[in-house]
Amino acid sequence: MGIGKITRNFQVTIPRDVREVRPVREGDLVMFSVEGDRIILEMVDEDPIKAAAGIWSDMKEDGVAFERRLRRESEARLRREMDDD
């Protein structure tokens, strides 16, 4: 595989031999992850943010209601713990 250089704008050119193994086009989505001191670049089929946006579609409550319920439960638990002391 090839070696790329990071520019002052933090851009990297994907080496030709890598592009020949895994063709990429302008506009393709990639995801960066870190494992220890390694940076991993992976192709993604769809935007993970957009994919996660529909996560609440089958839920009985939306994200705001879910967060409010969790906060109420947490506050109630904290009050009980303080009453036990």
C-alpha atoms as a PDB file:
ATOM      1  CA  MET A   1       0.000   0.000   0.000  1.00  0.00           C
ATOM      2  CA  GLY A   2       1.070   3.570  -0.446  1.00  0.00           C
ATOM      3  CA  ILE A   3       1.975   6.459   1.779  1.00  0.00           C
ATOM      4  CA  GLY A   4       0.128   9.777   1.811  1.00  0.00           C
ATOM      5  CA  LYS A   5       1.093  13.127   3.233  1.00  0.00           C
ATOM      6  CA  ILE A   6      -1.141  15.359   5.357  1.00  0.00           C
ATOM      7  CA  THR A   7      -1.414  18.889   3.944  1.00  0.00           C
ATOM      8  CA  ARG A   8      -1.621  22.068   5.994  1.00  0.00           C
ATOM      9  CA  ASN A   9      -5.421  21.838   5.624  1.00  0.00           C
ATOM     10  CA  PHE A  10      -5.298  18.297   7.081  1.00  0.00           C
ATOM     11  CA  GLN A  11      -6.208  16.702   3.764  1.00  0.00           C
ATOM     12  CA  VAL A  12      -4.736  13.417   2.560  1.00  0.00           C
ATOM     13  CA  THR A  13      -4.544  12.043  -0.969  1.00  0.00           C
ATOM     14  CA  ILE A  14      -5.433   8.366  -1.153  1.00  0.00           C
ATOM     15  CA  PRO A  15      -2.573   6.637  -2.986  1.00  0.00           C
ATOM     16  CA  ARG A  16      -3.289   5.242  -6.458  1.00  0.00           C
ATOM     17  CA  ASP A  17      -2.585   1.608  -5.514  1.00  0.00           C
ATOM     18  CA  VAL A  18      -5.144   1.863  -2.714  1.00  0.00           C
ATOM     19  CA  ARG A  19      -7.695   3.437  -5.089  1.00  0.00           C
ATOM     20  CA  GLU A  20      -7.119   0.572  -7.519  1.00  0.00           C
ATOM     21  CA  VAL A  21      -7.941  -1.980  -4.827  1.00  0.00           C
ATOM     22  CA  ARG A  22     -10.944  -0.052  -3.496  1.00  0.00           C
ATOM     23  CA  PRO A  23     -12.275   2.430  -6.043  1.00  0.00           C
ATOM     24  CA  VAL A  24     -13.397   5.722  -4.508  1.00  0.00           C
ATOM     25  CA  ARG A  25     -15.153   8.681  -6.042  1.00  0.00           C
ATOM     26  CA  GLU A  26     -15.434  12.311  -5.101  1.00  0.00           C
ATOM     27  CA  GLY A  27     -18.294  12.643  -2.624  1.00  0.00           C
ATOM     28  CA  ASP A  28     -17.962   9.111  -1.200  1.00  0.00           C
ATOM     29  CA  LEU A  29     -18.438   8.986   2.559  1.00  0.00           C
ATOM     30  CA  VAL A  30     -15.680   7.755   4.838  1.00  0.00           C
ATOM     31  CA  MET A  31     -15.560   7.266   8.589  1.00  0.00           C
ATOM     32  CA  PHE A  32     -12.498   7.688  10.770  1.00  0.00           C
ATOM     33  CA  SER A  33     -12.005   5.676  13.934  1.00  0.00           C
ATOM     34  CA  VAL A  34      -9.118   5.355  16.352  1.00  0.00           C
ATOM     35  CA  GLU A  35      -7.808   2.118  17.838  1.00  0.00           C
ATOM     36  CA  GLY A  36      -4.864   2.757  20.102  1.00  0.00           C
ATOM     37  CA  ASP A  37      -2.407   4.774  18.053  1.00  0.00           C
ATOM     38  CA  ARG A  38      -3.914   3.681  14.698  1.00  0.00           C
ATOM     39  CA  ILE A  39      -6.277   5.833  12.621  1.00  0.00           C
ATOM     40  CA  ILE A  40      -8.637   3.717  10.536  1.00  0.00           C
ATOM     41  CA  LEU A  41     -10.420   5.016   7.439  1.00  0.00           C
ATOM     42  CA  GLU A  42     -13.505   3.067   6.355  1.00  0.00           C
ATOM     43  CA  MET A  43     -15.930   3.542   3.481  1.00  0.00           C
ATOM     44  CA  VAL A  44     -19.549   3.916   4.597  1.00  0.00           C
ATOM     45  CA  ASP A  45     -22.642   3.301   2.491  1.00  0.00           C
ATOM     46  CA  GLU A  46     -24.821   5.928   4.149  1.00  0.00           C
ATOM     47  CA  ASP A  47     -24.405   8.857   6.471  1.00  0.00           C
ATOM     48  CA  PRO A  48     -24.496   7.371  10.001  1.00  0.00           C
ATOM     49  CA  ILE A  49     -26.112  10.547  11.364  1.00  0.00           C
ATOM     50  CA  LYS A  50     -28.979  10.304   8.883  1.00  0.00           C
ATOM     51  CA  ALA A  51     -29.300   6.572   9.565  1.00  0.00           C
ATOM     52  CA  ALA A  52     -29.529   7.211  13.306  1.00  0.00           C
ATOM     53  CA  ALA A  53     -32.069  10.003  12.818  1.00  0.00           C
ATOM     54  CA  GLY A  54     -34.851   7.473  12.268  1.00  0.00           C
ATOM     55  CA  ILE A  55     -34.021   5.486  15.378  1.00  0.00           C
ATOM     56  CA  TRP A  56     -37.036   6.857  17.279  1.00  0.00           C
ATOM     57  CA  SER A  57     -39.582   6.132  14.526  1.00  0.00           C
ATOM     58  CA  ASP A  58     -40.894   2.938  16.166  1.00  0.00           C
ATOM     59  CA  MET A  59     -40.611   4.186  19.747  1.00  0.00           C
ATOM     60  CA  LYS A  60     -43.605   5.129  21.917  1.00  0.00           C
ATOM     61  CA  GLU A  61     -41.845   8.333  22.976  1.00  0.00           C
ATOM     62  CA  ASP A  62     -39.597  10.730  21.127  1.00  0.00           C
ATOM     63  CA  GLY A  63     -36.045  11.598  22.176  1.00  0.00           C
ATOM     64  CA  VAL A  64     -37.106  14.622  24.236  1.00  0.00           C
ATOM     65  CA  ALA A  65     -39.730  12.645  26.164  1.00  0.00           C
ATOM     66  CA  PHE A  66     -37.226   9.841  26.724  1.00  0.00           C
ATOM     67  CA  GLU A  67     -34.636  12.253  28.138  1.00  0.00           C
ATOM     68  CA  ARG A  68     -37.193  13.940  30.392  1.00  0.00           C
ATOM     69  CA  ARG A  69     -38.328  10.563  31.742  1.00  0.00           C
ATOM     70  CA  LEU A  70     -34.738   9.549  32.463  1.00  0.00           C
ATOM     71  CA  ARG A  71     -34.109  12.832  34.291  1.00  0.00           C
ATOM     72  CA  ARG A  72     -37.267  12.440  36.401  1.00  0.00           C
ATOM     73  CA  GLU A  73     -36.296   8.883  37.311  1.00  0.00           C
ATOM     74  CA  SER A  74     -32.758   9.977  38.157  1.00  0.00           C
ATOM     75  CA  GLU A  75     -33.984  12.840  40.353  1.00  0.00           C
ATOM     76  CA  ALA A  76     -36.424  10.532  42.155  1.00  0.00           C
ATOM     77  CA  ARG A  77     -33.647   7.998  42.765  1.00  0.00           C
ATOM     78  CA  LEU A  78     -31.364  10.739  44.110  1.00  0.00           C
ATOM     79  CA  ARG A  79     -34.109  11.963  46.484  1.00  0.00           C
ATOM     80  CA  ARG A  80     -34.651   8.403  47.773  1.00  0.00           C
ATOM     81  CA  GLU A  81     -30.917   7.961  48.337  1.00  0.00           C
ATOM     82  CA  MET A  82     -30.741  11.271  50.222  1.00  0.00           C
ATOM     83  CA  ASP A  83     -33.760  10.272  52.347  1.00  0.00           C
ATOM     84  CA  ASP A  84     -32.046   6.976  53.230  1.00  0.00           C
ATOM     85  CA  ASP A  85     -29.016   8.822  54.610  1.00  0.00           C
END
